[in-house]
Amino acid sequence: MRVPYAKRLLAALDETMLLLADAAFDGNEFLDAVQQSGARFLVRSGARRVPTPAEHLGDGSYIARIGYGVLRVLLPVRVIEATLTVTLADGSVRTEQWRLITNLLDPVRFPAAELVDLYHRRWQAETTYFSIKATMLDGRVLRSRSIDGLDQEVYALLTAYQALIRAGDDALTGRPEVPMERISFTVLLAAATNTITAGHGIFPGTLIDLVGTIGHAALSDLLPAHRRQRVKARTRKNPTSKYGPNAGQHPQKAQNYTVHTTVAFFAHGLNSRSRR
């Protein structure tokens, strides 16, 4: 069901964008639709796809063509295969195989190793979910007992989240040297809560300040410039959950990790993804 929803967003793509997506979105017709929008894509491919190399490139990637539709129109793509070794701070090691498909065909402008590192940043999307579920909801579940009520709660959360992110972005007006990654969402939420509770600094005075009360709070408490890669704990704590426990499948506490990447050609295909 994810692809039909994603297709609704294709009209928002343009030639200035790069779409990063998981393996569920590597369908031929979907990738062609992204290509037609003018956008670039970097998508993870599943093990069931067996691309045939048409040309091996110097950085370890290769050119292939994928077909779609009744007439089997071929879309030229570049395939990057790599082995990733993730080492957690507790010493545990996990190795994965990745196959990425992209329409960034030039290996000189877009080296394979850099694209693999870039795709790894796609997981920053998980930070959004964590900010909503853990920071805004503080672990609480939605309260409504009807579909309409749940829709209202979800849209309210998304609206509040976007408003806070916009406030953080506005805070960087005139500060181009500060990347958005240094803005703390926790600080944004606390400042917004305090502002609404106290009722101060909500409406601008005679001089409109785009940064605002929330923005000034965020700028006064920036995150470190160089942050280590960190994985968060993922453990279901609800004893009434109908899903099986995932104890032992994910880290039980947040910890730092390092990633080592090796671009390679998987002559015997890609291993199936493990279910962790």
Protein backbone atom coordinates (compact mmCIF):
# COMPACT_ATOMS: atom_id res chain seq x y z
CA MET A 1 0.00 0.00 0.00
CA ARG A 2 2.95 2.35 0.39
CA VAL A 3 3.63 2.79 -3.32
CA PRO A 4 0.09 4.02 -4.21
CA TYR A 5 0.40 6.67 -1.50
CA ALA A 6 3.88 7.60 -2.71
CA LYS A 7 2.57 8.09 -6.24
CA ARG A 8 0.37 10.89 -4.96
CA LEU A 9 3.52 12.84 -4.09
CA LEU A 10 5.24 12.47 -7.46
CA ALA A 11 3.84 15.80 -8.65
CA ALA A 12 5.85 17.51 -5.89
CA LEU A 13 9.18 16.33 -7.35
CA ASP A 14 11.30 18.48 -9.65
CA GLU A 15 14.78 18.61 -11.17
CA THR A 16 16.30 20.08 -7.99
CA MET A 17 15.49 17.01 -5.88
CA LEU A 18 17.06 13.65 -5.08
CA LEU A 19 14.64 10.97 -3.89
CA LEU A 20 15.98 8.48 -1.33
CA ALA A 21 13.74 5.44 -0.85
CA ASP A 22 13.72 1.93 0.56
CA ALA A 23 13.42 -1.32 -1.39
CA ALA A 24 9.62 -1.21 -1.46
CA PHE A 25 9.89 1.66 -3.96
CA ASP A 26 12.24 0.07 -6.51
CA GLY A 27 9.49 -0.88 -8.97
CA ASN A 28 10.26 -0.19 -12.63
CA GLU A 29 7.21 1.95 -13.33
CA PHE A 30 7.63 3.94 -10.13
CA LEU A 31 11.27 4.71 -10.90
CA ASP A 32 10.33 5.76 -14.43
CA ALA A 33 7.71 8.13 -13.01
CA VAL A 34 10.38 9.70 -10.82
CA GLN A 35 12.64 9.99 -13.88
CA GLN A 36 9.87 11.72 -15.83
CA SER A 37 9.46 14.27 -13.04
CA GLY A 38 13.04 15.42 -13.63
CA ALA A 39 14.17 14.36 -10.15
CA ARG A 40 17.07 12.04 -9.39
CA PHE A 41 16.61 8.90 -7.33
CA LEU A 42 18.78 6.68 -5.13
CA VAL A 43 16.73 3.65 -4.14
CA ARG A 44 17.58 0.41 -2.38
CA SER A 45 16.79 -2.71 -4.42
CA GLY A 46 15.63 -6.08 -3.14
CA ALA A 47 17.28 -9.46 -3.74
CA ARG A 48 14.63 -10.56 -6.24
CA ARG A 49 15.87 -8.10 -8.84
CA VAL A 50 18.65 -9.56 -10.99
CA PRO A 51 20.12 -6.71 -13.07
CA THR A 52 22.37 -7.60 -15.99
CA PRO A 53 25.48 -5.40 -16.20
CA ALA A 54 25.79 -3.58 -19.51
CA GLU A 55 28.97 -1.74 -18.55
CA HIS A 56 31.22 -1.97 -15.50
CA LEU A 57 32.49 1.39 -14.24
CA GLY A 58 35.75 2.31 -12.58
CA ASP A 59 34.29 2.92 -9.11
CA GLY A 60 32.85 -0.59 -8.84
CA SER A 61 29.33 0.27 -9.96
CA TYR A 62 27.81 -0.75 -13.27
CA ILE A 63 25.24 0.39 -15.81
CA ALA A 64 22.13 -1.74 -16.33
CA ARG A 65 18.73 -1.34 -17.92
CA ILE A 66 15.45 -2.16 -16.25
CA GLY A 67 12.25 -2.78 -18.19
CA TYR A 68 8.70 -1.77 -17.48
CA GLY A 69 5.33 -1.85 -19.22
CA VAL A 70 3.98 -4.07 -21.96
CA LEU A 71 6.44 -2.76 -24.55
CA ARG A 72 9.40 -3.38 -22.21
CA VAL A 73 10.78 0.13 -22.47
CA LEU A 74 14.25 0.12 -20.94
CA LEU A 75 15.33 2.69 -18.36
CA PRO A 76 19.12 3.09 -18.00
CA VAL A 77 20.22 3.03 -14.37
CA ARG A 78 23.43 2.69 -12.40
CA VAL A 79 23.69 -0.13 -9.89
CA ILE A 80 25.89 0.14 -6.79
CA GLU A 81 26.48 -2.96 -4.69
CA ALA A 82 28.27 -2.72 -1.36
CA THR A 83 28.93 -4.56 1.88
CA LEU A 84 28.40 -2.58 5.07
CA THR A 85 29.85 -3.61 8.41
CA VAL A 86 28.23 -1.89 11.39
CA THR A 87 30.11 -2.06 14.70
CA LEU A 88 28.26 -0.97 17.83
CA ALA A 89 29.95 0.46 20.88
CA ASP A 90 29.26 -2.75 22.81
CA GLY A 91 31.37 -4.69 20.28
CA SER A 92 28.53 -6.39 18.41
CA VAL A 93 28.99 -6.46 14.63
CA ARG A 94 26.40 -6.70 11.87
CA THR A 95 27.14 -7.10 8.15
CA GLU A 96 24.67 -6.22 5.39
CA GLN A 97 24.63 -6.23 1.62
CA TRP A 98 23.17 -3.24 -0.17
CA ARG A 99 22.18 -2.84 -3.78
CA LEU A 100 21.33 0.73 -4.75
CA ILE A 101 19.77 1.86 -8.02
CA THR A 102 20.17 5.44 -9.25
CA ASN A 103 19.81 7.58 -12.34
CA LEU A 104 22.96 9.47 -11.36
CA LEU A 105 24.94 7.77 -14.11
CA ASP A 106 28.23 9.69 -13.95
CA PRO A 107 30.72 7.86 -11.65
CA VAL A 108 33.12 10.81 -11.69
CA ARG A 109 30.62 13.39 -10.40
CA PHE A 110 28.86 10.87 -8.17
CA PRO A 111 31.33 8.24 -6.86
CA ALA A 112 29.76 5.01 -5.67
CA ALA A 113 31.20 5.20 -2.15
CA GLU A 114 29.81 8.71 -1.65
CA LEU A 115 26.35 7.62 -2.79
CA VAL A 116 26.40 4.72 -0.33
CA ASP A 117 27.30 7.14 2.47
CA LEU A 118 24.56 9.49 1.31
CA TYR A 119 21.97 6.71 1.29
CA HIS A 120 22.93 5.85 4.86
CA ARG A 121 21.70 9.31 5.84
CA ARG A 122 18.22 8.30 4.67
CA TRP A 123 17.80 6.75 8.09
CA GLN A 124 17.66 10.27 9.52
CA ALA A 125 13.98 10.06 8.59
CA GLU A 126 13.67 7.80 11.62
CA THR A 127 14.58 10.83 13.72
CA THR A 128 11.29 12.41 12.66
CA TYR A 129 9.31 9.43 13.91
CA PHE A 130 11.30 9.40 17.14
CA SER A 131 10.69 13.14 17.64
CA ILE A 132 6.95 12.64 17.29
CA LYS A 133 6.54 9.38 19.22
CA ALA A 134 9.13 9.82 21.96
CA THR A 135 9.60 13.58 22.33
CA MET A 136 6.17 15.03 21.52
CA LEU A 137 4.03 12.12 22.72
CA ASP A 138 6.51 11.10 25.44
CA GLY A 139 5.68 7.46 24.78
CA ARG A 140 1.91 7.94 25.06
CA VAL A 141 -0.44 6.39 22.51
CA LEU A 142 -3.19 8.17 20.60
CA ARG A 143 -6.33 8.55 22.69
CA SER A 144 -9.14 8.66 20.14
CA ARG A 145 -11.46 5.71 19.72
CA SER A 146 -12.69 6.59 16.24
CA ILE A 147 -11.08 6.84 12.80
CA ASP A 148 -11.98 10.52 12.47
CA GLY A 149 -10.53 11.23 15.89
CA LEU A 150 -7.30 9.40 15.09
CA ASP A 151 -7.00 11.34 11.82
CA GLN A 152 -7.41 14.57 13.75
CA GLU A 153 -4.72 13.61 16.27
CA VAL A 154 -2.25 12.51 13.60
CA TYR A 155 -2.69 15.68 11.56
CA ALA A 156 -2.38 17.79 14.71
CA LEU A 157 0.93 16.08 15.56
CA LEU A 158 2.25 16.51 12.02
CA THR A 159 1.17 20.16 11.94
CA ALA A 160 2.87 20.90 15.26
CA TYR A 161 6.00 19.07 14.16
CA GLN A 162 6.22 21.02 10.88
CA ALA A 163 5.60 24.30 12.71
CA LEU A 164 8.49 23.59 15.08
CA ILE A 165 10.82 22.58 12.25
CA ARG A 166 9.86 25.76 10.39
CA ALA A 167 10.64 27.79 13.50
CA GLY A 168 14.07 26.14 13.65
CA ASP A 169 14.68 26.88 9.99
CA ASP A 170 13.62 30.51 10.41
CA ALA A 171 16.04 30.79 13.33
CA LEU A 172 18.92 30.22 10.92
CA THR A 173 18.02 33.29 8.86
CA GLY A 174 21.25 35.24 8.61
CA ARG A 175 23.25 32.30 10.00
CA PRO A 176 24.22 30.33 6.85
CA GLU A 177 27.23 28.84 8.62
CA VAL A 178 24.97 26.86 10.99
CA PRO A 179 23.48 23.65 9.52
CA MET A 180 19.94 22.64 10.40
CA GLU A 181 21.28 19.47 12.06
CA ARG A 182 22.51 21.58 14.99
CA ILE A 183 19.00 22.73 15.89
CA SER A 184 17.67 20.66 18.79
CA PHE A 185 14.07 19.53 18.39
CA THR A 186 13.84 19.01 22.14
CA VAL A 187 14.79 22.65 22.71
CA LEU A 188 12.26 23.80 20.09
CA LEU A 189 9.47 21.84 21.78
CA ALA A 190 10.38 23.05 25.27
CA ALA A 191 10.58 26.67 24.13
CA ALA A 192 7.22 26.43 22.36
CA THR A 193 5.61 24.83 25.42
CA ASN A 194 6.98 27.51 27.74
CA THR A 195 5.93 30.29 25.35
CA ILE A 196 2.35 29.06 25.09
CA THR A 197 2.06 28.31 28.81
CA ALA A 198 3.41 31.69 29.86
CA GLY A 199 1.66 33.57 27.09
CA HIS A 200 4.73 35.72 26.38
CA GLY A 201 6.45 36.34 23.05
CA ILE A 202 3.62 34.88 21.00
CA PHE A 203 2.74 38.01 19.03
CA PRO A 204 5.47 40.28 17.61
CA GLY A 205 5.81 43.84 18.78
CA THR A 206 6.42 46.81 16.55
CA LEU A 207 9.59 45.15 15.21
CA ILE A 208 8.93 41.78 13.63
CA ASP A 209 11.64 39.26 14.46
CA LEU A 210 11.63 36.25 12.17
CA VAL A 211 13.77 34.30 14.60
CA GLY A 212 11.24 34.69 17.40
CA THR A 213 11.29 33.48 20.98
CA ILE A 214 11.51 29.81 20.00
CA GLY A 215 14.29 30.46 17.49
CA HIS A 216 16.39 32.42 19.98
CA ALA A 217 16.08 29.55 22.46
CA ALA A 218 17.28 27.07 19.84
CA LEU A 219 20.24 29.25 18.81
CA SER A 220 21.33 29.62 22.43
CA ASP A 221 21.52 25.84 22.87
CA LEU A 222 22.88 24.41 19.61
CA LEU A 223 23.85 20.76 19.27
CA PRO A 224 27.58 19.95 18.83
CA ALA A 225 29.04 20.67 15.39
CA HIS A 226 30.47 17.16 15.06
CA ARG A 227 28.10 14.46 16.24
CA ARG A 228 28.93 10.79 16.38
CA GLN A 229 26.65 8.29 14.68
CA ARG A 230 24.28 6.92 17.24
CA VAL A 231 21.65 4.20 17.19
CA LYS A 232 18.63 4.46 19.48
CA ALA A 233 17.16 1.61 21.50
CA ARG A 234 14.25 -0.20 19.89
CA THR A 235 12.29 -2.32 22.35
CA ARG A 236 8.53 -2.77 22.55
CA LYS A 237 7.46 -2.13 26.12
CA ASN A 238 3.70 -2.52 25.77
CA PRO A 239 2.81 -5.88 27.40
CA THR A 240 -0.52 -6.03 25.57
CA SER A 241 1.01 -5.66 22.09
CA LYS A 242 -0.20 -8.30 19.64
CA TYR A 243 3.26 -8.31 18.04
CA GLY A 244 6.00 -10.62 19.22
CA PRO A 245 8.76 -9.22 21.42
CA ASN A 246 11.90 -8.02 19.68
CA ALA A 247 14.25 -8.49 22.64
CA GLY A 248 17.70 -9.38 21.38
CA GLN A 249 16.94 -8.20 17.84
CA HIS A 250 17.74 -4.53 18.42
CA PRO A 251 20.02 -2.62 20.82
CA GLN A 252 18.47 -2.38 24.27
CA LYS A 253 20.05 1.03 24.86
CA ALA A 254 21.29 3.90 22.72
CA GLN A 255 24.93 3.64 21.70
CA ASN A 256 27.43 4.95 19.19
CA TYR A 257 28.46 2.97 16.14
CA THR A 258 30.83 3.04 13.17
CA VAL A 259 30.23 1.93 9.58
CA HIS A 260 32.76 0.47 7.15
CA THR A 261 31.70 0.33 3.49
CA THR A 262 33.17 -1.76 0.68
CA VAL A 263 31.83 -1.32 -2.86
CA ALA A 264 31.78 -4.69 -4.64
CA PHE A 265 30.09 -6.62 -7.44
CA PHE A 266 27.90 -9.47 -6.23
CA ALA A 267 28.42 -11.94 -9.07
CA HIS A 268 26.21 -14.54 -7.36
CA GLY A 269 23.39 -12.19 -6.48
CA LEU A 270 22.27 -10.43 -3.35
CA ASN A 271 21.48 -12.22 -0.10
CA SER A 272 17.92 -11.89 1.16
CA ARG A 273 17.50 -9.24 3.83
CA SER A 274 17.46 -10.64 7.33
CA ARG A 275 14.42 -9.98 9.50
CA ARG A 276 15.81 -8.41 12.65
